[in-house]
PDB file of all heavy atoms in Angstrom:
ATOM      1  N   SER A   1      64.263-143.098 -36.555  1.00  0.00           N
ATOM      2  CA  SER A   1      64.351-141.957 -37.469  1.00  0.00           C
ATOM      3  C   SER A   1      65.662-141.998 -38.242  1.00  0.00           C
ATOM      4  O   SER A   1      65.713-141.617 -39.414  1.00  0.00           O
ATOM      5  CB  SER A   1      64.179-140.630 -36.730  1.00  0.00           C
ATOM      6  OG  SER A   1      65.292-140.355 -35.917  1.00  0.00           O
ATOM      7  N   LEU A   2      66.728-142.484 -37.616  1.00  0.00           N
ATOM      8  CA  LEU A   2      68.001-142.642 -38.332  1.00  0.00           C
ATOM      9  C   LEU A   2      67.857-143.678 -39.435  1.00  0.00           C
ATOM     10  O   LEU A   2      68.379-143.501 -40.532  1.00  0.00           O
ATOM     11  CB  LEU A   2      69.121-143.043 -37.368  1.00  0.00           C
ATOM     12  CG  LEU A   2      69.532-141.986 -36.352  1.00  0.00           C
ATOM     13  CD1 LEU A   2      70.557-142.564 -35.376  1.00  0.00           C
ATOM     14  CD2 LEU A   2      70.076-140.752 -37.026  1.00  0.00           C
ATOM     15  N   PHE A   3      67.135-144.768 -39.162  1.00  0.00           N
ATOM     16  CA  PHE A   3      66.882-145.777 -40.191  1.00  0.00           C
ATOM     17  C   PHE A   3      66.117-145.155 -41.339  1.00  0.00           C
ATOM     18  O   PHE A   3      66.437-145.376 -42.503  1.00  0.00           O
ATOM     19  CB  PHE A   3      66.045-146.933 -39.645  1.00  0.00           C
ATOM     20  CG  PHE A   3      66.786-147.886 -38.756  1.00  0.00           C
ATOM     21  CD1 PHE A   3      66.086-148.843 -38.054  1.00  0.00           C
ATOM     22  CD2 PHE A   3      68.155-147.850 -38.607  1.00  0.00           C
ATOM     23  CE1 PHE A   3      66.736-149.747 -37.241  1.00  0.00           C
ATOM     24  CE2 PHE A   3      68.820-148.739 -37.793  1.00  0.00           C
ATOM     25  CZ  PHE A   3      68.100-149.691 -37.096  1.00  0.00           C
ATOM     26  N   ASP A   4      65.076-144.395 -41.007  1.00  0.00           N
ATOM     27  CA  ASP A   4      64.246-143.769 -42.036  1.00  0.00           C
ATOM     28  C   ASP A   4      65.086-142.847 -42.920  1.00  0.00           C
ATOM     29  O   ASP A   4      64.962-142.871 -44.143  1.00  0.00           O
ATOM     30  CB  ASP A   4      63.083-142.996 -41.415  1.00  0.00           C
ATOM     31  CG  ASP A   4      62.065-143.903 -40.753  1.00  0.00           C
ATOM     32  OD1 ASP A   4      62.068-145.120 -41.031  1.00  0.00           O
ATOM     33  OD2 ASP A   4      61.267-143.399 -39.944  1.00  0.00           O
ATOM     34  N   GLU A   5      65.942-142.037 -42.291  1.00  0.00           N
ATOM     35  CA  GLU A   5      66.804-141.136 -43.060  1.00  0.00           C
ATOM     36  C   GLU A   5      67.751-141.927 -43.955  1.00  0.00           C
ATOM     37  O   GLU A   5      67.952-141.590 -45.120  1.00  0.00           O
ATOM     38  CB  GLU A   5      67.616-140.238 -42.121  1.00  0.00           C
ATOM     39  CG  GLU A   5      66.791-139.145 -41.475  1.00  0.00           C
ATOM     40  CD  GLU A   5      67.609-138.312 -40.500  1.00  0.00           C
ATOM     41  OE1 GLU A   5      68.847-138.225 -40.656  1.00  0.00           O
ATOM     42  OE2 GLU A   5      67.003-137.733 -39.585  1.00  0.00           O
ATOM     43  N   GLU A   6      68.310-142.998 -43.421  1.00  0.00           N
ATOM     44  CA  GLU A   6      69.235-143.818 -44.203  1.00  0.00           C
ATOM     45  C   GLU A   6      68.515-144.453 -45.388  1.00  0.00           C
ATOM     46  O   GLU A   6      69.035-144.490 -46.497  1.00  0.00           O
ATOM     47  CB  GLU A   6      69.862-144.904 -43.320  1.00  0.00           C
ATOM     48  CG  GLU A   6      70.940-145.680 -44.017  1.00  0.00           C
ATOM     49  CD  GLU A   6      71.673-146.631 -43.096  1.00  0.00           C
ATOM     50  OE1 GLU A   6      71.819-146.324 -41.898  1.00  0.00           O
ATOM     51  OE2 GLU A   6      72.102-147.674 -43.590  1.00  0.00           O
ATOM     52  N   GLN A   7      67.287-144.930 -45.158  1.00  0.00           N
ATOM     53  CA  GLN A   7      66.512-145.534 -46.236  1.00  0.00           C
ATOM     54  C   GLN A   7      66.181-144.503 -47.312  1.00  0.00           C
ATOM     55  O   GLN A   7      66.228-144.806 -48.502  1.00  0.00           O
ATOM     56  CB  GLN A   7      65.228-146.166 -45.700  1.00  0.00           C
ATOM     57  CG  GLN A   7      65.463-147.414 -44.868  1.00  0.00           C
ATOM     58  CD  GLN A   7      66.245-148.468 -45.609  1.00  0.00           C
ATOM     59  OE1 GLN A   7      67.419-148.657 -45.374  1.00  0.00           O
ATOM     60  NE2 GLN A   7      65.628-149.148 -46.533  1.00  0.00           N
ATOM     61  N   ILE A   8      65.852-143.290 -46.914  1.00  0.00           N
ATOM     62  CA  ILE A   8      65.551-142.227 -47.867  1.00  0.00           C
ATOM     63  C   ILE A   8      66.783-141.924 -48.715  1.00  0.00           C
ATOM     64  O   ILE A   8      66.697-141.802 -49.944  1.00  0.00           O
ATOM     65  CB  ILE A   8      65.061-140.947 -47.134  1.00  0.00           C
ATOM     66  CG1 ILE A   8      63.669-141.190 -46.557  1.00  0.00           C
ATOM     67  CG2 ILE A   8      65.072-139.741 -48.052  1.00  0.00           C
ATOM     68  CD1 ILE A   8      63.217-140.130 -45.567  1.00  0.00           C
ATOM     69  N   ILE A   9      67.931-141.832 -48.079  1.00  0.00           N
ATOM     70  CA  ILE A   9      69.168-141.543 -48.812  1.00  0.00           C
ATOM     71  C   ILE A   9      69.487-142.675 -49.778  1.00  0.00           C
ATOM     72  O   ILE A   9      69.813-142.435 -50.947  1.00  0.00           O
ATOM     73  CB  ILE A   9      70.333-141.291 -47.830  1.00  0.00           C
ATOM     74  CG1 ILE A   9      70.104-139.964 -47.094  1.00  0.00           C
ATOM     75  CG2 ILE A   9      71.676-141.296 -48.555  1.00  0.00           C
ATOM     76  CD1 ILE A   9      71.032-139.723 -45.926  1.00  0.00           C
ATOM     77  N   LYS A  10      69.377-143.921 -49.313  1.00  0.00           N
ATOM     78  CA  LYS A  10      69.646-145.066 -50.191  1.00  0.00           C
ATOM     79  C   LYS A  10      68.686-145.080 -51.376  1.00  0.00           C
ATOM     80  O   LYS A  10      69.084-145.345 -52.507  1.00  0.00           O
ATOM     81  CB  LYS A  10      69.529-146.380 -49.414  1.00  0.00           C
ATOM     82  CG  LYS A  10      70.721-146.668 -48.538  1.00  0.00           C
ATOM     83  CD  LYS A  10      70.545-147.988 -47.816  1.00  0.00           C
ATOM     84  CE  LYS A  10      71.734-148.287 -46.928  1.00  0.00           C
ATOM     85  NZ  LYS A  10      71.549-149.534 -46.168  1.00  0.00           N
ATOM     86  N   SER A  11      67.416-144.791 -51.115  1.00  0.00           N
ATOM     87  CA  SER A  11      66.416-144.769 -52.180  1.00  0.00           C
ATOM     88  C   SER A  11      66.732-143.673 -53.196  1.00  0.00           C
ATOM     89  O   SER A  11      66.622-143.879 -54.402  1.00  0.00           O
ATOM     90  CB  SER A  11      65.029-144.551 -51.579  1.00  0.00           C
ATOM     91  OG  SER A  11      64.067-144.469 -52.572  1.00  0.00           O
ATOM     92  N   PHE A  12      67.140-142.503 -52.707  1.00  0.00           N
ATOM     93  CA  PHE A  12      67.490-141.396 -53.588  1.00  0.00           C
ATOM     94  C   PHE A  12      68.680-141.767 -54.476  1.00  0.00           C
ATOM     95  O   PHE A  12      68.661-141.536 -55.684  1.00  0.00           O
ATOM     96  CB  PHE A  12      67.809-140.140 -52.765  1.00  0.00           C
ATOM     97  CG  PHE A  12      68.309-138.995 -53.598  1.00  0.00           C
ATOM     98  CD1 PHE A  12      67.433-138.249 -54.366  1.00  0.00           C
ATOM     99  CD2 PHE A  12      69.662-138.674 -53.628  1.00  0.00           C
ATOM    100  CE1 PHE A  12      67.881-137.198 -55.143  1.00  0.00           C
ATOM    101  CE2 PHE A  12      70.123-137.627 -54.401  1.00  0.00           C
ATOM    102  CZ  PHE A  12      69.234-136.881 -55.166  1.00  0.00           C
ATOM    103  N   ILE A  13      69.700-142.346 -53.872  1.00  0.00           N
ATOM    104  CA  ILE A  13      70.896-142.741 -54.635  1.00  0.00           C
ATOM    105  C   ILE A  13      70.525-143.773 -55.687  1.00  0.00           C
ATOM    106  O   ILE A  13      70.952-143.677 -56.844  1.00  0.00           O
ATOM    107  CB  ILE A  13      72.001-143.257 -53.690  1.00  0.00           C
ATOM    108  CG1 ILE A  13      72.550-142.103 -52.854  1.00  0.00           C
ATOM    109  CG2 ILE A  13      73.116-143.954 -54.467  1.00  0.00           C
ATOM    110  CD1 ILE A  13      73.456-142.523 -51.718  1.00  0.00           C
ATOM    111  N   LYS A  14      69.711-144.744 -55.309  1.00  0.00           N
ATOM    112  CA  LYS A  14      69.297-145.778 -56.260  1.00  0.00           C
ATOM    113  C   LYS A  14      68.515-145.158 -57.417  1.00  0.00           C
ATOM    114  O   LYS A  14      68.725-145.496 -58.579  1.00  0.00           O
ATOM    115  CB  LYS A  14      68.441-146.823 -55.541  1.00  0.00           C
ATOM    116  CG  LYS A  14      68.056-147.996 -56.390  1.00  0.00           C
ATOM    117  CD  LYS A  14      67.272-149.017 -55.592  1.00  0.00           C
ATOM    118  CE  LYS A  14      66.866-150.190 -56.454  1.00  0.00           C
ATOM    119  NZ  LYS A  14      66.078-151.171 -55.711  1.00  0.00           N
ATOM    120  N   SER A  15      67.645-144.220 -57.103  1.00  0.00           N
ATOM    121  CA  SER A  15      66.850-143.540 -58.120  1.00  0.00           C
ATOM    122  C   SER A  15      67.750-142.744 -59.070  1.00  0.00           C
ATOM    123  O   SER A  15      67.557-142.771 -60.287  1.00  0.00           O
ATOM    124  CB  SER A  15      65.837-142.611 -57.456  1.00  0.00           C
ATOM    125  OG  SER A  15      65.184-141.823 -58.405  1.00  0.00           O
ATOM    126  N   GLU A  16      68.737-142.041 -58.502  1.00  0.00           N
ATOM    127  CA  GLU A  16      69.662-141.259 -59.318  1.00  0.00           C
ATOM    128  C   GLU A  16      70.455-142.168 -60.260  1.00  0.00           C
ATOM    129  O   GLU A  16      70.633-141.841 -61.427  1.00  0.00           O
ATOM    130  CB  GLU A  16      70.627-140.462 -58.430  1.00  0.00           C
ATOM    131  CG  GLU A  16      69.977-139.271 -57.746  1.00  0.00           C
ATOM    132  CD  GLU A  16      69.553-138.199 -58.731  1.00  0.00           C
ATOM    133  OE1 GLU A  16      70.400-137.742 -59.516  1.00  0.00           O
ATOM    134  OE2 GLU A  16      68.382-137.811 -58.710  1.00  0.00           O
ATOM    135  N   ARG A  17      70.913-143.293 -59.743  1.00  0.00           N
ATOM    136  CA  ARG A  17      71.680-144.229 -60.578  1.00  0.00           C
ATOM    137  C   ARG A  17      70.809-144.790 -61.696  1.00  0.00           C
ATOM    138  O   ARG A  17      71.269-144.959 -62.828  1.00  0.00           O
ATOM    139  CB  ARG A  17      72.242-145.359 -59.722  1.00  0.00           C
ATOM    140  CG  ARG A  17      73.400-144.916 -58.856  1.00  0.00           C
ATOM    141  CD  ARG A  17      73.988-146.039 -58.062  1.00  0.00           C
ATOM    142  NE  ARG A  17      75.098-145.567 -57.257  1.00  0.00           N
ATOM    143  CZ  ARG A  17      75.475-146.104 -56.130  1.00  0.00           C
ATOM    144  NH1 ARG A  17      74.842-147.173 -55.662  1.00  0.00           N
ATOM    145  NH2 ARG A  17      76.488-145.612 -55.446  1.00  0.00           N
ATOM    146  N   HIS A  18      69.549-145.072 -61.368  1.00  0.00           N
ATOM    147  CA  HIS A  18      68.632-145.601 -62.380  1.00  0.00           C
ATOM    148  C   HIS A  18      68.398-144.556 -63.472  1.00  0.00           C
ATOM    149  O   HIS A  18      68.394-144.875 -64.660  1.00  0.00           O
ATOM    150  CB  HIS A  18      67.314-146.030 -61.740  1.00  0.00           C
ATOM    151  CG  HIS A  18      66.390-146.717 -62.681  1.00  0.00           C
ATOM    152  ND1 HIS A  18      65.412-146.051 -63.366  1.00  0.00           N
ATOM    153  CD2 HIS A  18      66.315-148.017 -63.073  1.00  0.00           C
ATOM    154  CE1 HIS A  18      64.766-146.899 -64.149  1.00  0.00           C
ATOM    155  NE2 HIS A  18      65.285-148.103 -63.985  1.00  0.00           N
ATOM    156  N   ASP A  19      68.201-143.301 -63.062  1.00  0.00           N
ATOM    157  CA  ASP A  19      68.002-142.220 -64.035  1.00  0.00           C
ATOM    158  C   ASP A  19      69.226-142.060 -64.934  1.00  0.00           C
ATOM    159  O   ASP A  19      69.091-141.879 -66.153  1.00  0.00           O
ATOM    160  CB  ASP A  19      67.711-140.895 -63.322  1.00  0.00           C
ATOM    161  CG  ASP A  19      66.349-140.870 -62.643  1.00  0.00           C
ATOM    162  OD1 ASP A  19      65.519-141.780 -62.906  1.00  0.00           O
ATOM    163  OD2 ASP A  19      66.106-139.953 -61.839  1.00  0.00           O
ATOM    164  N   GLU A  20      70.419-142.146 -64.347  1.00  0.00           N
ATOM    165  CA  GLU A  20      71.649-142.030 -65.139  1.00  0.00           C
ATOM    166  C   GLU A  20      71.759-143.185 -66.130  1.00  0.00           C
ATOM    167  O   GLU A  20      72.162-142.981 -67.284  1.00  0.00           O
ATOM    168  CB  GLU A  20      72.869-142.012 -64.218  1.00  0.00           C
ATOM    169  CG  GLU A  20      73.022-140.720 -63.436  1.00  0.00           C
ATOM    170  CD  GLU A  20      74.142-140.785 -62.413  1.00  0.00           C
ATOM    171  OE1 GLU A  20      74.934-141.758 -62.422  1.00  0.00           O
ATOM    172  OE2 GLU A  20      74.218-139.865 -61.588  1.00  0.00           O
ATOM    173  N   ALA A  21      71.392-144.387 -65.687  1.00  0.00           N
ATOM    174  CA  ALA A  21      71.444-145.552 -66.574  1.00  0.00           C
ATOM    175  C   ALA A  21      70.471-145.378 -67.736  1.00  0.00           C
ATOM    176  O   ALA A  21      70.799-145.681 -68.892  1.00  0.00           O
ATOM    177  CB  ALA A  21      71.129-146.830 -65.787  1.00  0.00           C
ATOM    178  N   ARG A  22      69.275-144.866 -67.448  1.00  0.00           N
ATOM    179  CA  ARG A  22      68.286-144.625 -68.507  1.00  0.00           C
ATOM    180  C   ARG A  22      68.803-143.592 -69.509  1.00  0.00           C
ATOM    181  O   ARG A  22      68.638-143.755 -70.713  1.00  0.00           O
ATOM    182  CB  ARG A  22      66.948-144.163 -67.921  1.00  0.00           C
ATOM    183  CG  ARG A  22      66.083-145.280 -67.386  1.00  0.00           C
ATOM    184  CD  ARG A  22      64.723-144.752 -66.927  1.00  0.00           C
ATOM    185  NE  ARG A  22      63.961-144.122 -67.988  1.00  0.00           N
ATOM    186  CZ  ARG A  22      63.135-144.758 -68.822  1.00  0.00           C
ATOM    187  NH1 ARG A  22      62.983-146.057 -68.728  1.00  0.00           N
ATOM    188  NH2 ARG A  22      62.472-144.092 -69.752  1.00  0.00           N
ATOM    189  N   GLU A  23      69.402-142.526 -69.000  1.00  0.00           N
ATOM    190  CA  GLU A  23      69.932-141.492 -69.887  1.00  0.00           C
ATOM    191  C   GLU A  23      71.037-142.048 -70.776  1.00  0.00           C
ATOM    192  O   GLU A  23      71.090-141.741 -71.973  1.00  0.00           O
ATOM    193  CB  GLU A  23      70.448-140.306 -69.064  1.00  0.00           C
ATOM    194  CG  GLU A  23      69.344-139.495 -68.413  1.00  0.00           C
ATOM    195  CD  GLU A  23      69.863-138.471 -67.416  1.00  0.00           C
ATOM    196  OE1 GLU A  23      71.087-138.243 -67.350  1.00  0.00           O
ATOM    197  OE2 GLU A  23      69.030-137.894 -66.689  1.00  0.00           O
ATOM    198  N   THR A  24      71.904-142.867 -70.199  1.00  0.00           N
ATOM    199  CA  THR A  24      72.980-143.484 -70.979  1.00  0.00           C
ATOM    200  C   THR A  24      72.396-144.386 -72.058  1.00  0.00           C
ATOM    201  O   THR A  24      72.788-144.310 -73.231  1.00  0.00           O
ATOM    202  CB  THR A  24      73.913-144.295 -70.054  1.00  0.00           C
ATOM    203  OG1 THR A  24      74.498-143.399 -69.098  1.00  0.00           O
ATOM    204  CG2 THR A  24      75.007-145.007 -70.843  1.00  0.00           C
ATOM    205  N   ALA A  25      71.462-145.233 -71.688  1.00  0.00           N
ATOM    206  CA  ALA A  25      70.840-146.150 -72.647  1.00  0.00           C
ATOM    207  C   ALA A  25      70.103-145.364 -73.731  1.00  0.00           C
ATOM    208  O   ALA A  25      70.167-145.716 -74.918  1.00  0.00           O
ATOM    209  CB  ALA A  25      69.883-147.097 -71.930  1.00  0.00           C
ATOM    210  N   GLU A  26      69.434-144.297 -73.342  1.00  0.00           N
ATOM    211  CA  GLU A  26      68.710-143.477 -74.320  1.00  0.00           C
ATOM    212  C   GLU A  26      69.680-142.888 -75.353  1.00  0.00           C
ATOM    213  O   GLU A  26      69.408-142.921 -76.555  1.00  0.00           O
ATOM    214  CB  GLU A  26      67.950-142.363 -73.603  1.00  0.00           C
ATOM    215  CG  GLU A  26      67.103-141.519 -74.528  1.00  0.00           C
ATOM    216  CD  GLU A  26      66.297-140.460 -73.791  1.00  0.00           C
ATOM    217  OE1 GLU A  26      66.175-140.529 -72.552  1.00  0.00           O
ATOM    218  OE2 GLU A  26      65.785-139.559 -74.475  1.00  0.00           O
ATOM    219  N   ARG A  27      70.820-142.370 -74.905  1.00  0.00           N
ATOM    220  CA  ARG A  27      71.817-141.828 -75.838  1.00  0.00           C
ATOM    221  C   ARG A  27      72.318-142.922 -76.782  1.00  0.00           C
ATOM    222  O   ARG A  27      72.488-142.696 -77.978  1.00  0.00           O
ATOM    223  CB  ARG A  27      72.984-141.210 -75.069  1.00  0.00           C
ATOM    224  CG  ARG A  27      72.672-139.851 -74.469  1.00  0.00           C
ATOM    225  CD  ARG A  27      73.930-139.125 -73.987  1.00  0.00           C
ATOM    226  NE  ARG A  27      74.722-139.879 -73.036  1.00  0.00           N
ATOM    227  CZ  ARG A  27      74.528-139.894 -71.717  1.00  0.00           C
ATOM    228  NH1 ARG A  27      73.551-139.181 -71.189  1.00  0.00           N
ATOM    229  NH2 ARG A  27      75.320-140.597 -70.928  1.00  0.00           N
ATOM    230  N   MET A  28      72.527-144.109 -76.250  1.00  0.00           N
ATOM    231  CA  MET A  28      73.014-145.218 -77.074  1.00  0.00           C
ATOM    232  C   MET A  28      71.975-145.623 -78.122  1.00  0.00           C
ATOM    233  O   MET A  28      72.320-145.892 -79.277  1.00  0.00           O
ATOM    234  CB  MET A  28      73.385-146.411 -76.186  1.00  0.00           C
ATOM    235  CG  MET A  28      74.564-146.147 -75.281  1.00  0.00           C
ATOM    236  SD  MET A  28      74.805-147.475 -74.099  1.00  0.00           S
ATOM    237  CE  MET A  28      76.426-148.025 -74.593  1.00  0.00           C
ATOM    238  N   ILE A  29      70.711-145.639 -77.713  1.00  0.00           N
ATOM    239  CA  ILE A  29      69.638-145.990 -78.652  1.00  0.00           C
ATOM    240  C   ILE A  29      69.556-144.938 -79.751  1.00  0.00           C
ATOM    241  O   ILE A  29      69.443-145.256 -80.934  1.00  0.00           O
ATOM    242  CB  ILE A  29      68.291-146.139 -77.900  1.00  0.00           C
ATOM    243  CG1 ILE A  29      68.316-147.387 -77.011  1.00  0.00           C
ATOM    244  CG2 ILE A  29      67.123-146.198 -78.885  1.00  0.00           C
ATOM    245  CD1 ILE A  29      67.160-147.477 -76.021  1.00  0.00           C
ATOM    246  N   LYS A  30      69.638-143.671 -79.377  1.00  0.00           N
ATOM    247  CA  LYS A  30      69.568-142.584 -80.362  1.00  0.00           C
ATOM    248  C   LYS A  30      70.715-142.648 -81.360  1.00  0.00           C
ATOM    249  O   LYS A  30      70.536-142.317 -82.533  1.00  0.00           O
ATOM    250  CB  LYS A  30      69.555-141.223 -79.658  1.00  0.00           C
ATOM    251  CG  LYS A  30      68.232-140.894 -79.012  1.00  0.00           C
ATOM    252  CD  LYS A  30      68.272-139.543 -78.317  1.00  0.00           C
ATOM    253  CE  LYS A  30      66.934-139.226 -77.694  1.00  0.00           C
ATOM    254  NZ  LYS A  30      66.947-137.956 -76.949  1.00  0.00           N
ATOM    255  N   MET A  31      71.892-143.081 -80.906  1.00  0.00           N
ATOM    256  CA  MET A  31      73.033-143.207 -81.816  1.00  0.00           C
ATOM    257  C   MET A  31      72.772-144.297 -82.856  1.00  0.00           C
ATOM    258  O   MET A  31      73.256-144.204 -83.976  1.00  0.00           O
ATOM    259  CB  MET A  31      74.308-143.539 -81.031  1.00  0.00           C
ATOM    260  CG  MET A  31      74.837-142.357 -80.243  1.00  0.00           C
ATOM    261  SD  MET A  31      76.232-142.772 -79.158  1.00  0.00           S
ATOM    262  CE  MET A  31      77.342-143.595 -80.265  1.00  0.00           C
ATOM    263  N   GLY A  32      71.992-145.304 -82.479  1.00  0.00           N
ATOM    264  CA  GLY A  32      71.595-146.350 -83.417  1.00  0.00           C
ATOM    265  C   GLY A  32      72.698-147.298 -83.855  1.00  0.00           C
ATOM    266  O   GLY A  32      72.540-148.018 -84.832  1.00  0.00           O
ATOM    267  N   LYS A  33      73.790-147.344 -83.153  1.00  0.00           N
ATOM    268  CA  LYS A  33      74.910-148.184 -83.572  1.00  0.00           C
ATOM    269  C   LYS A  33      74.948-149.533 -82.860  1.00  0.00           C
ATOM    270  O   LYS A  33      75.658-150.430 -83.286  1.00  0.00           O
ATOM    271  CB  LYS A  33      76.225-147.453 -83.342  1.00  0.00           C
ATOM    272  CG  LYS A  33      76.367-146.227 -84.214  1.00  0.00           C
ATOM    273  CD  LYS A  33      77.690-145.553 -84.014  1.00  0.00           C
ATOM    274  CE  LYS A  33      77.762-144.332 -84.934  1.00  0.00           C
ATOM    275  NZ  LYS A  33      79.040-143.673 -84.862  1.00  0.00           N
ATOM    276  N   LEU A  34      74.195-149.638 -81.755  1.00  0.00           N
ATOM    277  CA  LEU A  34      74.223-150.875 -80.970  1.00  0.00           C
ATOM    278  C   LEU A  34      72.830-151.488 -80.882  1.00  0.00           C
ATOM    279  O   LEU A  34      71.824-150.776 -80.854  1.00  0.00           O
ATOM    280  CB  LEU A  34      74.731-150.597 -79.545  1.00  0.00           C
ATOM    281  CG  LEU A  34      76.148-150.045 -79.399  1.00  0.00           C
ATOM    282  CD1 LEU A  34      76.422-149.666 -77.954  1.00  0.00           C
ATOM    283  CD2 LEU A  34      77.169-151.070 -79.869  1.00  0.00           C
ATOM    284  N   SER A  35      72.784-152.798 -80.797  1.00  0.00           N
ATOM    285  CA  SER A  35      71.509-153.484 -80.575  1.00  0.00           C
ATOM    286  C   SER A  35      71.145-153.381 -79.095  1.00  0.00           C
ATOM    287  O   SER A  35      71.998-153.049 -78.253  1.00  0.00           O
ATOM    288  CB  SER A  35      71.630-154.957 -80.974  1.00  0.00           C
ATOM    289  OG  SER A  35      72.473-155.626 -80.044  1.00  0.00           O
ATOM    290  N   LEU A  36      69.901-153.697 -78.764  1.00  0.00           N
ATOM    291  CA  LEU A  36      69.503-153.687 -77.356  1.00  0.00           C
ATOM    292  C   LEU A  36      70.298-154.714 -76.560  1.00  0.00           C
ATOM    293  O   LEU A  36      70.621-154.482 -75.387  1.00  0.00           O
ATOM    294  CB  LEU A  36      67.999-153.952 -77.212  1.00  0.00           C
ATOM    295  CG  LEU A  36      67.075-152.831 -77.676  1.00  0.00           C
ATOM    296  CD1 LEU A  36      65.617-153.185 -77.383  1.00  0.00           C
ATOM    297  CD2 LEU A  36      67.422-151.496 -77.037  1.00  0.00           C
ATOM    298  N   ASP A  37      70.625-155.840 -77.171  1.00  0.00           N
ATOM    299  CA  ASP A  37      71.454-156.843 -76.488  1.00  0.00           C
ATOM    300  C   ASP A  37      72.814-156.253 -76.106  1.00  0.00           C
ATOM    301  O   ASP A  37      73.298-156.466 -74.994  1.00  0.00           O
ATOM    302  CB  ASP A  37      71.671-158.075 -77.377  1.00  0.00           C
ATOM    303  CG  ASP A  37      70.442-158.970 -77.453  1.00  0.00           C
ATOM    304  OD1 ASP A  37      69.695-159.025 -76.456  1.00  0.00           O
ATOM    305  OD2 ASP A  37      70.239-159.599 -78.508  1.00  0.00           O
ATOM    306  N   GLU A  38      73.400-155.501 -77.027  1.00  0.00           N
ATOM    307  CA  GLU A  38      74.702-154.890 -76.756  1.00  0.00           C
ATOM    308  C   GLU A  38      74.581-153.791 -75.700  1.00  0.00           C
ATOM    309  O   GLU A  38      75.409-153.692 -74.793  1.00  0.00           O
ATOM    310  CB  GLU A  38      75.298-154.325 -78.044  1.00  0.00           C
ATOM    311  CG  GLU A  38      75.686-155.405 -79.037  1.00  0.00           C
ATOM    312  CD  GLU A  38      76.001-154.859 -80.408  1.00  0.00           C
ATOM    313  OE1 GLU A  38      75.273-153.951 -80.880  1.00  0.00           O
ATOM    314  OE2 GLU A  38      76.979-155.347 -81.004  1.00  0.00           O
ATOM    315  N   ILE A  39      73.528-152.994 -75.792  1.00  0.00           N
ATOM    316  CA  ILE A  39      73.311-151.922 -74.814  1.00  0.00           C
ATOM    317  C   ILE A  39      73.128-152.517 -73.423  1.00  0.00           C
ATOM    318  O   ILE A  39      73.641-151.990 -72.436  1.00  0.00           O
ATOM    319  CB  ILE A  39      72.105-151.035 -75.209  1.00  0.00           C
ATOM    320  CG1 ILE A  39      72.450-150.255 -76.487  1.00  0.00           C
ATOM    321  CG2 ILE A  39      71.736-150.080 -74.080  1.00  0.00           C
ATOM    322  CD1 ILE A  39      71.268-149.507 -77.099  1.00  0.00           C
ATOM    323  N   SER A  40      72.435-153.657 -73.350  1.00  0.00           N
ATOM    324  CA  SER A  40      72.211-154.284 -72.042  1.00  0.00           C
ATOM    325  C   SER A  40      73.519-154.705 -71.379  1.00  0.00           C
ATOM    326  O   SER A  40      73.608-154.772 -70.153  1.00  0.00           O
ATOM    327  CB  SER A  40      71.259-155.473 -72.160  1.00  0.00           C
ATOM    328  OG  SER A  40      71.889-156.544 -72.834  1.00  0.00           O
ATOM    329  N   LEU A  41      74.543-154.961 -72.176  1.00  0.00           N
ATOM    330  CA  LEU A  41      75.855-155.288 -71.609  1.00  0.00           C
ATOM    331  C   LEU A  41      76.516-154.058 -70.984  1.00  0.00           C
ATOM    332  O   LEU A  41      77.234-154.158 -69.994  1.00  0.00           O
ATOM    333  CB  LEU A  41      76.777-155.865 -72.689  1.00  0.00           C
ATOM    334  CG  LEU A  41      76.347-157.191 -73.300  1.00  0.00           C
ATOM    335  CD1 LEU A  41      77.261-157.561 -74.461  1.00  0.00           C
ATOM    336  CD2 LEU A  41      76.348-158.285 -72.241  1.00  0.00           C
TER     337      LEU A  41
END
């Protein structure tokens, strides 16, 4: 059960980081100043 809880927490953190990355990339795309290659950096 401790493993399960740890896996849930790790999954949540990974999901949150992914969502933050998407939001950042979305703002950059909306600004229209960078190419996708540049945003990927």
